Amino acid sequence: MSADDHEIIKPPSTLKGKVSYGPDGVNPDVLDKAEALIAGMQGDYLEWVQDDLKKAQEFFDRAVADAAGRMGHLKEVYHVAHDIKGQGGSFGYPLMTAIANQLCRYLEHLEEAATADLDLVKVHIDALRLVIGSRMQGDGGTAGANIMRGLEAVIAKRAARTS
């Protein structure tokens, strides 16, 4: 599929862009307070996501070491990635959301994990760690685009081998 075959739709990253106003909607003052609260928690997010990345790495390491329980450990990686996906954009790291979403989509369709699948999971965890370690807020600019292109290429290569 070429870049001309699809359109990328970026959802709003602020609460104001996601809610409706009016009699049945949200009070704008309450929304302003909520957004200020979230903005004030950005430093906490960096601590939380570091903990999540440690958990993801631990579950991944278990998946590598325990072939019999591999899929269960990868399911735990999925849950951690899902949490990261849900929080990234709220705290100014939509690239974290994009990478974690891609990892979740891959894992949710995985029925059994070969070495190449583990390599793919590791690359995603490493990319998440790189984004946070480099404090790549927003879409990460050119570096973020390169990361996403690289991850998409790895997934495409893996898909070509399994089909």
C-alpha atoms as a PDB file:
ATOM      1  CA  MET A   1       0.000   0.000   0.000  1.00  0.00           C
ATOM      2  CA  SER A   2       1.466   3.366  -0.951  1.00  0.00           C
ATOM      3  CA  ALA A   3       1.142   6.609   0.970  1.00  0.00           C
ATOM      4  CA  ASP A   4      -1.452   7.743  -1.589  1.00  0.00           C
ATOM      5  CA  ASP A   5      -3.737   4.801  -0.782  1.00  0.00           C
ATOM      6  CA  HIS A   6      -4.674   5.967   2.687  1.00  0.00           C
ATOM      7  CA  GLU A   7      -5.292   9.007   4.806  1.00  0.00           C
ATOM      8  CA  ILE A   8      -3.904   9.440   8.300  1.00  0.00           C
ATOM      9  CA  ILE A   9      -6.459  10.962  10.642  1.00  0.00           C
ATOM     10  CA  LYS A  10      -4.975  12.460  13.786  1.00  0.00           C
ATOM     11  CA  PRO A  11      -7.429  12.559  16.687  1.00  0.00           C
ATOM     12  CA  PRO A  12      -7.479  15.646  18.877  1.00  0.00           C
ATOM     13  CA  SER A  13      -4.903  15.461  21.662  1.00  0.00           C
ATOM     14  CA  THR A  14      -6.605  17.768  24.136  1.00  0.00           C
ATOM     15  CA  LEU A  15      -9.764  17.193  26.073  1.00  0.00           C
ATOM     16  CA  LYS A  16     -11.319  20.277  24.476  1.00  0.00           C
ATOM     17  CA  GLY A  17     -10.937  18.700  21.069  1.00  0.00           C
ATOM     18  CA  LYS A  18     -12.666  15.502  22.171  1.00  0.00           C
ATOM     19  CA  VAL A  19     -15.801  16.724  23.941  1.00  0.00           C
ATOM     20  CA  SER A  20     -18.941  18.608  23.042  1.00  0.00           C
ATOM     21  CA  TYR A  21     -20.281  21.763  24.616  1.00  0.00           C
ATOM     22  CA  GLY A  22     -23.783  23.033  25.208  1.00  0.00           C
ATOM     23  CA  PRO A  23     -26.581  22.041  27.557  1.00  0.00           C
ATOM     24  CA  ASP A  24     -25.726  18.334  27.375  1.00  0.00           C
ATOM     25  CA  GLY A  25     -21.981  18.854  26.990  1.00  0.00           C
ATOM     26  CA  VAL A  26     -19.080  19.677  29.257  1.00  0.00           C
ATOM     27  CA  ASN A  27     -18.620  22.965  31.074  1.00  0.00           C
ATOM     28  CA  PRO A  28     -15.590  24.731  29.497  1.00  0.00           C
ATOM     29  CA  ASP A  29     -14.315  25.880  32.921  1.00  0.00           C
ATOM     30  CA  VAL A  30     -14.276  22.325  34.222  1.00  0.00           C
ATOM     31  CA  LEU A  31     -12.483  21.261  31.069  1.00  0.00           C
ATOM     32  CA  ASP A  32      -9.831  23.970  31.516  1.00  0.00           C
ATOM     33  CA  LYS A  33      -9.213  22.752  35.069  1.00  0.00           C
ATOM     34  CA  ALA A  34      -8.939  19.137  33.911  1.00  0.00           C
ATOM     35  CA  GLU A  35      -6.437  20.041  31.196  1.00  0.00           C
ATOM     36  CA  ALA A  36      -4.382  22.073  33.681  1.00  0.00           C
ATOM     37  CA  LEU A  37      -4.372  19.101  36.055  1.00  0.00           C
ATOM     38  CA  ILE A  38      -3.196  16.765  33.304  1.00  0.00           C
ATOM     39  CA  ALA A  39      -0.487  19.229  32.241  1.00  0.00           C
ATOM     40  CA  GLY A  40       0.707  19.388  35.844  1.00  0.00           C
ATOM     41  CA  MET A  41       1.069  15.609  35.920  1.00  0.00           C
ATOM     42  CA  GLN A  42       3.464  15.431  32.968  1.00  0.00           C
ATOM     43  CA  GLY A  43       6.480  14.913  35.235  1.00  0.00           C
ATOM     44  CA  ASP A  44       4.630  12.090  36.965  1.00  0.00           C
ATOM     45  CA  TYR A  45       3.908  10.536  33.579  1.00  0.00           C
ATOM     46  CA  LEU A  46       7.621  10.236  32.872  1.00  0.00           C
ATOM     47  CA  GLU A  47       8.024   8.243  36.105  1.00  0.00           C
ATOM     48  CA  TRP A  48       4.943   6.111  35.401  1.00  0.00           C
ATOM     49  CA  VAL A  49       5.992   5.290  31.876  1.00  0.00           C
ATOM     50  CA  GLN A  50       9.503   4.349  33.028  1.00  0.00           C
ATOM     51  CA  ASP A  51       7.867   1.864  35.420  1.00  0.00           C
ATOM     52  CA  ASP A  52       5.667   0.583  32.588  1.00  0.00           C
ATOM     53  CA  LEU A  53       8.692   0.143  30.336  1.00  0.00           C
ATOM     54  CA  LYS A  54      10.459  -1.848  33.068  1.00  0.00           C
ATOM     55  CA  LYS A  55       7.384  -4.081  33.394  1.00  0.00           C
ATOM     56  CA  ALA A  56       7.188  -4.559  29.630  1.00  0.00           C
ATOM     57  CA  GLN A  57      10.869  -5.528  29.548  1.00  0.00           C
ATOM     58  CA  GLU A  58      10.419  -7.974  32.443  1.00  0.00           C
ATOM     59  CA  PHE A  59       7.455  -9.675  30.746  1.00  0.00           C
ATOM     60  CA  PHE A  60       9.373  -9.750  27.475  1.00  0.00           C
ATOM     61  CA  ASP A  61      12.402 -11.330  29.167  1.00  0.00           C
ATOM     62  CA  ARG A  62      10.105 -13.976  30.658  1.00  0.00           C
ATOM     63  CA  ALA A  63       8.619 -14.633  27.204  1.00  0.00           C
ATOM     64  CA  VAL A  64      12.106 -15.208  25.809  1.00  0.00           C
ATOM     65  CA  ALA A  65      13.116 -17.525  28.663  1.00  0.00           C
ATOM     66  CA  ASP A  66       9.851 -19.482  28.982  1.00  0.00           C
ATOM     67  CA  ALA A  67       8.795 -20.946  25.642  1.00  0.00           C
ATOM     68  CA  ALA A  68       5.914 -22.883  27.208  1.00  0.00           C
ATOM     69  CA  GLY A  69       4.447 -19.774  28.837  1.00  0.00           C
ATOM     70  CA  ARG A  70       5.524 -17.358  26.098  1.00  0.00           C
ATOM     71  CA  MET A  71       2.078 -16.296  24.937  1.00  0.00           C
ATOM     72  CA  GLY A  72       0.968 -15.564  28.500  1.00  0.00           C
ATOM     73  CA  HIS A  73       3.979 -13.324  29.043  1.00  0.00           C
ATOM     74  CA  LEU A  74       3.366 -11.574  25.724  1.00  0.00           C
ATOM     75  CA  LYS A  75      -0.228 -10.998  26.794  1.00  0.00           C
ATOM     76  CA  GLU A  76       1.180  -9.098  29.779  1.00  0.00           C
ATOM     77  CA  VAL A  77       3.396  -7.077  27.414  1.00  0.00           C
ATOM     78  CA  TYR A  78       0.194  -6.286  25.501  1.00  0.00           C
ATOM     79  CA  HIS A  79      -1.521  -5.009  28.671  1.00  0.00           C
ATOM     80  CA  VAL A  80       1.414  -2.745  29.537  1.00  0.00           C
ATOM     81  CA  ALA A  81       1.594  -1.449  25.947  1.00  0.00           C
ATOM     82  CA  HIS A  82      -2.145  -0.804  26.058  1.00  0.00           C
ATOM     83  CA  ASP A  83      -1.683   1.362  29.165  1.00  0.00           C
ATOM     84  CA  ILE A  84       1.159   3.265  27.490  1.00  0.00           C
ATOM     85  CA  LYS A  85      -0.993   3.739  24.393  1.00  0.00           C
ATOM     86  CA  GLY A  86      -3.783   5.239  26.456  1.00  0.00           C
ATOM     87  CA  GLN A  87      -1.585   7.706  28.313  1.00  0.00           C
ATOM     88  CA  GLY A  88       0.998   8.925  25.803  1.00  0.00           C
ATOM     89  CA  GLY A  89      -1.069  11.473  23.916  1.00  0.00           C
ATOM     90  CA  SER A  90      -2.615  12.855  27.097  1.00  0.00           C
ATOM     91  CA  PHE A  91       0.813  13.823  28.386  1.00  0.00           C
ATOM     92  CA  GLY A  92       2.345  15.198  25.197  1.00  0.00           C
ATOM     93  CA  TYR A  93       3.833  11.978  23.851  1.00  0.00           C
ATOM     94  CA  PRO A  94       1.588  10.883  20.968  1.00  0.00           C
ATOM     95  CA  LEU A  95       4.544   9.013  19.457  1.00  0.00           C
ATOM     96  CA  MET A  96       4.387   6.697  22.488  1.00  0.00           C
ATOM     97  CA  THR A  97       0.715   6.160  21.734  1.00  0.00           C
ATOM     98  CA  ALA A  98       1.456   5.377  18.076  1.00  0.00           C
ATOM     99  CA  ILE A  99       4.248   2.908  18.838  1.00  0.00           C
ATOM    100  CA  ALA A 100       2.330   1.184  21.640  1.00  0.00           C
ATOM    101  CA  ASN A 101      -0.766   0.987  19.435  1.00  0.00           C
ATOM    102  CA  GLN A 102       1.238  -0.691  16.699  1.00  0.00           C
ATOM    103  CA  LEU A 103       2.657  -3.170  19.221  1.00  0.00           C
ATOM    104  CA  CYS A 104      -0.826  -3.907  20.586  1.00  0.00           C
ATOM    105  CA  ARG A 105      -2.235  -4.498  17.092  1.00  0.00           C
ATOM    106  CA  TYR A 106       0.580  -6.921  16.353  1.00  0.00           C
ATOM    107  CA  LEU A 107       0.274  -8.829  19.625  1.00  0.00           C
ATOM    108  CA  GLU A 108      -3.498  -9.133  19.538  1.00  0.00           C
ATOM    109  CA  HIS A 109      -3.307 -11.120  16.291  1.00  0.00           C
ATOM    110  CA  LEU A 110      -0.346 -13.266  17.302  1.00  0.00           C
ATOM    111  CA  GLU A 111      -1.299 -16.901  17.869  1.00  0.00           C
ATOM    112  CA  GLU A 112       2.169 -18.243  18.577  1.00  0.00           C
ATOM    113  CA  ALA A 113       5.489 -16.445  18.836  1.00  0.00           C
ATOM    114  CA  ALA A 114       8.583 -17.403  16.880  1.00  0.00           C
ATOM    115  CA  THR A 115      11.983 -15.801  17.393  1.00  0.00           C
ATOM    116  CA  ALA A 116      11.205 -13.229  14.682  1.00  0.00           C
ATOM    117  CA  ASP A 117       8.067 -12.208  16.587  1.00  0.00           C
ATOM    118  CA  LEU A 118      10.092 -11.740  19.763  1.00  0.00           C
ATOM    119  CA  ASP A 119      12.565  -9.609  17.813  1.00  0.00           C
ATOM    120  CA  LEU A 120       9.691  -7.450  16.606  1.00  0.00           C
ATOM    121  CA  VAL A 121       8.345  -6.995  20.145  1.00  0.00           C
ATOM    122  CA  LYS A 122      11.829  -6.084  21.396  1.00  0.00           C
ATOM    123  CA  VAL A 123      12.268  -3.451  18.699  1.00  0.00           C
ATOM    124  CA  HIS A 124       8.989  -1.827  19.770  1.00  0.00           C
ATOM    125  CA  ILE A 125       9.941  -1.823  23.459  1.00  0.00           C
ATOM    126  CA  ASP A 126      13.331  -0.347  22.541  1.00  0.00           C
ATOM    127  CA  ALA A 127      11.604   2.337  20.440  1.00  0.00           C
ATOM    128  CA  LEU A 128       9.330   3.262  23.351  1.00  0.00           C
ATOM    129  CA  ARG A 129      12.364   3.516  25.622  1.00  0.00           C
ATOM    130  CA  LEU A 130      14.158   5.698  23.044  1.00  0.00           C
ATOM    131  CA  VAL A 131      11.224   8.114  22.768  1.00  0.00           C
ATOM    132  CA  ILE A 132      11.066   8.607  26.531  1.00  0.00           C
ATOM    133  CA  GLY A 133      14.834   8.641  27.010  1.00  0.00           C
ATOM    134  CA  SER A 134      15.154  11.338  24.341  1.00  0.00           C
ATOM    135  CA  ARG A 135      12.030  13.183  25.568  1.00  0.00           C
ATOM    136  CA  MET A 136      10.563  13.127  22.032  1.00  0.00           C
ATOM    137  CA  GLN A 137       7.369  15.022  22.649  1.00  0.00           C
ATOM    138  CA  GLY A 138       4.768  15.494  19.966  1.00  0.00           C
ATOM    139  CA  ASP A 139       5.276  13.379  16.881  1.00  0.00           C
ATOM    140  CA  GLY A 140       9.050  13.357  17.392  1.00  0.00           C
ATOM    141  CA  GLY A 141       9.702  15.293  14.188  1.00  0.00           C
ATOM    142  CA  THR A 142      11.978  13.659  11.634  1.00  0.00           C
ATOM    143  CA  ALA A 143      13.331  11.197  14.194  1.00  0.00           C
ATOM    144  CA  GLY A 144       9.790  10.160  15.140  1.00  0.00           C
ATOM    145  CA  ALA A 145       8.829   9.673  11.504  1.00  0.00           C
ATOM    146  CA  ASN A 146      11.957   7.571  10.958  1.00  0.00           C
ATOM    147  CA  ILE A 147      11.130   5.427  13.982  1.00  0.00           C
ATOM    148  CA  MET A 148       7.590   4.806  12.756  1.00  0.00           C
ATOM    149  CA  ARG A 149       8.770   4.020   9.209  1.00  0.00           C
ATOM    150  CA  GLY A 150      11.328   1.590  10.579  1.00  0.00           C
ATOM    151  CA  LEU A 151       8.783  -0.171  12.791  1.00  0.00           C
ATOM    152  CA  GLU A 152       6.291  -0.397   9.934  1.00  0.00           C
ATOM    153  CA  ALA A 153       9.007  -1.898   7.715  1.00  0.00           C
ATOM    154  CA  VAL A 154       9.829  -4.517  10.361  1.00  0.00           C
ATOM    155  CA  ILE A 155       6.159  -5.490  10.604  1.00  0.00           C
ATOM    156  CA  ALA A 156       5.794  -5.630   6.812  1.00  0.00           C
ATOM    157  CA  LYS A 157       8.899  -7.809   6.538  1.00  0.00           C
ATOM    158  CA  ARG A 158       7.567 -10.169   9.220  1.00  0.00           C
ATOM    159  CA  ALA A 159       4.151 -10.312   7.545  1.00  0.00           C
ATOM    160  CA  ALA A 160       5.789 -11.190   4.215  1.00  0.00           C
ATOM    161  CA  ARG A 161       7.614 -14.106   5.846  1.00  0.00           C
ATOM    162  CA  THR A 162       4.460 -15.552   7.379  1.00  0.00           C
ATOM    163  CA  SER A 163       2.247 -15.308   4.300  1.00  0.00           C
END
